[in-house]
């Protein structure tokens, strides 16, 4: 006589693994009621699906930023999947948030993947979820930042997140850090200020502008002076502290932070985007 699992056992397996009801029932039948064996069967199914979808592009997903309790350490991760349909799934987003909370205590993506997740590693959990969902699920980006005071912002839709570091914990720092993080998310600066722009980027920009000015017929003896002005404009548009503040275009980001506290400065930022 073949084994028929009780509805309560099917529901229990589903709650633990997130797999569909029929998959849970089939696993319990195959395991002849052995719950742990049924879990292993579902995990092996996940491994098989993961192997079959290894070459798929996982460019959709959720980007989540998290900061520790004293606002001195933060991480941003992206939990990637294949389709926007899965990325908007409530259970998928909940998993992304849970992993982001764990990421605060991991120094690297590899350390996060090796972290215990309710009895299995995060890496094993992702393989399991690949089997449940039927799409490639993986940790994509992993960014970490430390500083005197951090604030985070996650853009609606979970496609972009940013964390900003301020130089001190002062009155208004919480709102300021969040506002500057919103700036980072929206304006995507390439560096904190002009001193942090790579020489390669500067050389490329100068080359482009010099070529344009030469084609316009500008005399060689004044091109260098024009280039100085061009680069100042480039820094204003592309470096965080010099950008116009999105909430008040009449001041720069640096000016905004100073308006909160005269000694306050932006000391760093990280940003992750799936768009």
Protein backbone atom coordinates (compact mmCIF):
# COMPACT_ATOMS: atom_id res chain seq x y z
CA UNK A 1 0.00 0.00 0.00
CA UNK A 2 1.47 3.35 -1.07
CA UNK A 3 2.13 6.07 1.50
CA UNK A 4 -0.18 9.10 1.49
CA UNK A 5 1.16 12.08 3.47
CA UNK A 6 -1.12 13.92 5.88
CA UNK A 7 -2.11 17.45 4.87
CA UNK A 8 -0.46 18.80 8.04
CA UNK A 9 2.88 17.22 7.06
CA UNK A 10 2.65 18.68 3.54
CA UNK A 11 1.93 22.11 5.02
CA UNK A 12 4.83 21.78 7.49
CA UNK A 13 7.26 20.92 4.67
CA UNK A 14 5.97 23.80 2.58
CA UNK A 15 6.42 26.27 5.46
CA UNK A 16 10.01 25.12 6.01
CA UNK A 17 11.14 25.05 2.39
CA UNK A 18 8.80 27.39 0.53
CA UNK A 19 8.24 24.71 -2.12
CA UNK A 20 4.85 24.24 -3.77
CA UNK A 21 2.23 21.97 -2.20
CA UNK A 22 2.45 19.36 -4.96
CA UNK A 23 6.26 19.29 -4.83
CA UNK A 24 6.11 18.81 -1.05
CA UNK A 25 3.55 16.02 -1.38
CA UNK A 26 5.65 14.22 -4.03
CA UNK A 27 8.80 14.57 -1.89
CA UNK A 28 7.04 13.09 1.16
CA UNK A 29 5.69 10.21 -0.93
CA UNK A 30 9.16 9.52 -2.32
CA UNK A 31 10.64 9.71 1.19
CA UNK A 32 7.85 7.49 2.55
CA UNK A 33 7.06 10.03 5.24
CA UNK A 34 10.65 10.70 6.34
CA UNK A 35 10.56 14.48 6.79
CA UNK A 36 14.34 15.10 6.67
CA UNK A 37 14.68 12.89 3.61
CA UNK A 38 11.88 14.86 1.94
CA UNK A 39 13.77 18.11 2.63
CA UNK A 40 16.88 16.59 1.01
CA UNK A 41 14.84 15.54 -2.03
CA UNK A 42 13.62 19.10 -2.49
CA UNK A 43 17.15 20.48 -2.09
CA UNK A 44 18.47 18.05 -4.71
CA UNK A 45 15.72 19.25 -7.02
CA UNK A 46 16.98 22.78 -6.41
CA UNK A 47 20.54 21.73 -7.26
CA UNK A 48 19.33 20.19 -10.51
CA UNK A 49 17.38 23.30 -11.49
CA UNK A 50 20.33 25.52 -10.50
CA UNK A 51 22.68 23.46 -12.70
CA UNK A 52 20.27 23.68 -15.64
CA UNK A 53 19.93 27.46 -15.25
CA UNK A 54 23.56 28.31 -14.42
CA UNK A 55 24.06 30.14 -17.71
CA UNK A 56 20.89 32.22 -17.39
CA UNK A 57 21.14 35.97 -16.84
CA UNK A 58 19.87 37.08 -13.43
CA UNK A 59 19.56 40.82 -14.01
CA UNK A 60 16.31 41.37 -12.09
CA UNK A 61 15.88 41.26 -8.33
CA UNK A 62 15.81 43.36 -5.17
CA UNK A 63 18.46 45.73 -3.81
CA UNK A 64 18.39 46.16 -0.04
CA UNK A 65 20.51 48.38 2.22
CA UNK A 66 20.95 47.77 5.93
CA UNK A 67 22.88 49.62 8.68
CA UNK A 68 23.83 48.27 12.11
CA UNK A 69 22.31 49.55 15.37
CA UNK A 70 24.90 52.26 16.06
CA UNK A 71 24.96 53.44 12.42
CA UNK A 72 28.67 52.77 11.94
CA UNK A 73 28.58 49.83 9.50
CA UNK A 74 26.31 49.12 6.56
CA UNK A 75 25.91 46.79 3.62
CA UNK A 76 23.95 46.72 0.39
CA UNK A 77 23.16 43.45 -1.34
CA UNK A 78 21.23 42.55 -4.44
CA UNK A 79 19.28 39.30 -4.49
CA UNK A 80 19.12 38.56 -8.19
CA UNK A 81 16.60 36.56 -10.21
CA UNK A 82 15.67 36.22 -13.88
CA UNK A 83 12.31 38.00 -14.15
CA UNK A 84 10.62 41.08 -12.74
CA UNK A 85 7.63 38.89 -11.87
CA UNK A 86 9.71 37.00 -9.28
CA UNK A 87 11.47 40.20 -8.14
CA UNK A 88 8.09 41.63 -7.09
CA UNK A 89 7.02 38.46 -5.25
CA UNK A 90 6.45 39.15 -1.55
CA UNK A 91 8.29 36.02 -0.37
CA UNK A 92 11.29 36.88 -2.58
CA UNK A 93 11.47 40.43 -1.16
CA UNK A 94 11.17 39.09 2.40
CA UNK A 95 14.10 36.75 1.71
CA UNK A 96 16.14 39.67 0.32
CA UNK A 97 15.50 41.71 3.48
CA UNK A 98 16.42 38.78 5.73
CA UNK A 99 19.67 38.19 3.84
CA UNK A 100 20.48 41.92 3.97
CA UNK A 101 20.09 41.87 7.76
CA UNK A 102 22.55 38.95 7.90
CA UNK A 103 24.93 40.71 5.50
CA UNK A 104 25.62 43.43 8.08
CA UNK A 105 27.56 40.80 10.07
CA UNK A 106 29.50 39.45 7.07
CA UNK A 107 32.75 40.99 5.81
CA UNK A 108 32.43 39.59 2.27
CA UNK A 109 29.89 38.01 -0.06
CA UNK A 110 31.65 34.66 0.41
CA UNK A 111 31.26 34.96 4.18
CA UNK A 112 27.56 35.74 3.77
CA UNK A 113 27.06 32.69 1.52
CA UNK A 114 28.68 30.49 4.18
CA UNK A 115 26.51 31.92 7.00
CA UNK A 116 23.97 29.67 8.70
CA UNK A 117 20.40 30.19 7.52
CA UNK A 118 18.01 28.17 9.71
CA UNK A 119 20.15 25.03 9.57
CA UNK A 120 21.60 25.39 6.07
CA UNK A 121 24.06 27.84 4.56
CA UNK A 122 22.85 30.87 2.64
CA UNK A 123 24.34 29.33 -0.50
CA UNK A 124 22.31 26.15 0.06
CA UNK A 125 19.18 28.20 0.73
CA UNK A 126 19.60 30.00 -2.60
CA UNK A 127 19.92 26.67 -4.42
CA UNK A 128 16.80 25.45 -2.62
CA UNK A 129 14.91 28.59 -3.66
CA UNK A 130 16.09 28.14 -7.25
CA UNK A 131 14.29 24.80 -7.20
CA UNK A 132 11.20 26.29 -5.57
CA UNK A 133 10.91 29.27 -7.90
CA UNK A 134 12.35 27.71 -11.04
CA UNK A 135 14.66 30.66 -11.71
CA UNK A 136 18.33 31.31 -11.05
CA UNK A 137 18.55 32.98 -7.63
CA UNK A 138 21.88 34.41 -6.43
CA UNK A 139 23.53 37.17 -4.43
CA UNK A 140 24.73 39.68 -7.00
CA UNK A 141 26.20 42.85 -5.52
CA UNK A 142 27.71 43.06 -2.04
CA UNK A 143 28.89 46.48 -0.88
CA UNK A 144 30.15 47.32 2.61
CA UNK A 145 30.88 50.70 4.21
CA UNK A 146 31.96 51.93 7.64
CA UNK A 147 31.93 55.45 9.03
CA UNK A 148 31.21 57.72 12.00
CA UNK A 149 27.50 57.89 11.10
CA UNK A 150 25.69 56.09 8.28
CA UNK A 151 22.26 56.49 6.75
CA UNK A 152 20.57 54.41 4.06
CA UNK A 153 17.96 54.88 1.36
CA UNK A 154 16.15 52.25 -0.73
CA UNK A 155 14.33 53.58 -3.77
CA UNK A 156 10.73 52.48 -4.32
CA UNK A 157 10.67 49.19 -6.19
CA UNK A 158 13.89 47.94 -4.57
CA UNK A 159 16.01 48.51 -7.70
CA UNK A 160 18.44 51.11 -6.28
CA UNK A 161 19.88 51.58 -2.79
CA UNK A 162 22.56 53.80 -1.29
CA UNK A 163 24.34 54.34 2.03
CA UNK A 164 26.12 57.57 2.95
CA UNK A 165 28.72 58.18 5.66
CA UNK A 166 28.80 61.47 7.57
CA UNK A 167 31.72 62.71 9.66
CA UNK A 168 29.87 62.75 13.00
CA UNK A 169 26.70 61.83 14.85
CA UNK A 170 25.03 65.19 15.43
CA UNK A 171 21.49 66.48 15.72
CA UNK A 172 19.87 66.08 12.31
CA UNK A 173 22.45 63.54 11.10
CA UNK A 174 19.81 60.85 10.58
CA UNK A 175 17.74 62.94 8.17
CA UNK A 176 20.87 64.37 6.50
CA UNK A 177 22.38 60.93 5.86
CA UNK A 178 19.12 59.66 4.40
CA UNK A 179 18.73 62.76 2.19
CA UNK A 180 22.27 62.50 0.85
CA UNK A 181 21.74 58.77 0.24
CA UNK A 182 18.67 59.73 -1.78
CA UNK A 183 20.92 62.09 -3.76
CA UNK A 184 23.39 59.26 -4.40
CA UNK A 185 20.58 56.95 -5.55
CA UNK A 186 19.09 59.56 -7.90
CA UNK A 187 22.20 61.25 -9.31
CA UNK A 188 24.73 58.38 -9.33
CA UNK A 189 27.91 60.40 -8.62
CA UNK A 190 31.16 58.83 -9.81
CA UNK A 191 33.14 59.90 -6.71
CA UNK A 192 32.92 61.80 -3.43
CA UNK A 193 34.88 64.82 -4.72
CA UNK A 194 37.45 65.74 -7.40
CA UNK A 195 40.32 64.15 -5.44
CA UNK A 196 38.59 60.77 -5.65
CA UNK A 197 38.09 60.77 -9.43
CA UNK A 198 40.45 58.33 -11.13
CA UNK A 199 43.19 59.72 -13.33
CA UNK A 200 41.93 57.48 -16.14
CA UNK A 201 38.51 59.19 -15.99
CA UNK A 202 40.08 62.65 -15.93
CA UNK A 203 42.37 61.88 -18.88
CA UNK A 204 39.48 60.48 -20.91
CA UNK A 205 37.30 63.53 -20.22
CA UNK A 206 40.13 65.92 -21.11
CA UNK A 207 40.78 64.02 -24.34
CA UNK A 208 37.13 64.22 -25.39
CA UNK A 209 36.83 67.93 -24.57
CA UNK A 210 40.16 68.80 -26.21
CA UNK A 211 39.10 67.05 -29.41
CA UNK A 212 35.77 68.90 -29.45
CA UNK A 213 37.42 72.29 -28.86
CA UNK A 214 39.98 71.62 -31.61
CA UNK A 215 37.20 70.74 -34.05
CA UNK A 216 35.44 73.97 -33.10
CA UNK A 217 38.58 75.83 -34.19
CA UNK A 218 39.58 77.16 -30.77
CA UNK A 219 43.19 78.43 -30.69
CA UNK A 220 45.63 76.01 -29.07
CA UNK A 221 46.90 78.68 -26.65
CA UNK A 222 43.48 79.12 -24.96
CA UNK A 223 42.28 75.51 -25.03
CA UNK A 224 44.04 74.70 -21.71
CA UNK A 225 42.21 77.53 -19.94
CA UNK A 226 38.87 76.43 -21.40
CA UNK A 227 39.58 72.86 -20.27
CA UNK A 228 40.00 74.03 -16.66
CA UNK A 229 36.47 75.44 -16.76
CA UNK A 230 35.15 72.31 -18.45
CA UNK A 231 36.63 70.10 -15.73
CA UNK A 232 35.17 72.27 -12.96
CA UNK A 233 31.76 71.77 -14.56
CA UNK A 234 32.44 68.03 -14.85
CA UNK A 235 33.27 67.80 -11.13
CA UNK A 236 30.17 69.82 -10.21
CA UNK A 237 27.91 67.49 -12.16
CA UNK A 238 29.56 64.18 -11.28
CA UNK A 239 31.05 64.34 -7.77
CA UNK A 240 28.72 64.05 -4.81
CA UNK A 241 29.69 66.99 -2.60
CA UNK A 242 29.70 69.44 -5.54
CA UNK A 243 26.40 68.32 -7.10
CA UNK A 244 23.35 70.54 -6.75
CA UNK A 245 21.28 69.20 -3.88
CA UNK A 246 18.15 67.55 -5.33
CA UNK A 247 15.90 68.94 -2.58
CA UNK A 248 17.21 72.50 -3.01
CA UNK A 249 19.01 73.31 -6.26
CA UNK A 250 20.28 76.56 -4.76
CA UNK A 251 22.92 74.76 -2.72
CA UNK A 252 25.45 71.98 -3.20
CA UNK A 253 25.34 68.73 -1.23
CA UNK A 254 28.31 69.98 0.83
CA UNK A 255 26.42 73.22 1.60
CA UNK A 256 23.33 71.25 2.63
CA UNK A 257 25.31 69.10 5.07
CA UNK A 258 26.96 72.23 6.52
CA UNK A 259 23.51 73.76 7.04
CA UNK A 260 22.73 70.85 9.37
CA UNK A 261 25.97 71.34 11.31
CA UNK A 262 28.82 73.68 10.41
CA UNK A 263 31.46 70.98 10.96
CA UNK A 264 29.59 68.13 9.28
CA UNK A 265 30.97 66.56 6.09
CA UNK A 266 30.18 63.66 3.78
CA UNK A 267 32.97 61.10 4.10
CA UNK A 268 31.85 58.30 1.77
CA UNK A 269 29.06 56.44 0.00
CA UNK A 270 28.14 53.19 -1.72
CA UNK A 271 25.43 52.57 -4.29
CA UNK A 272 23.95 49.50 -5.99
CA UNK A 273 21.53 49.59 -8.90
CA UNK A 274 19.80 46.97 -11.04
CA UNK A 275 18.56 49.57 -13.52
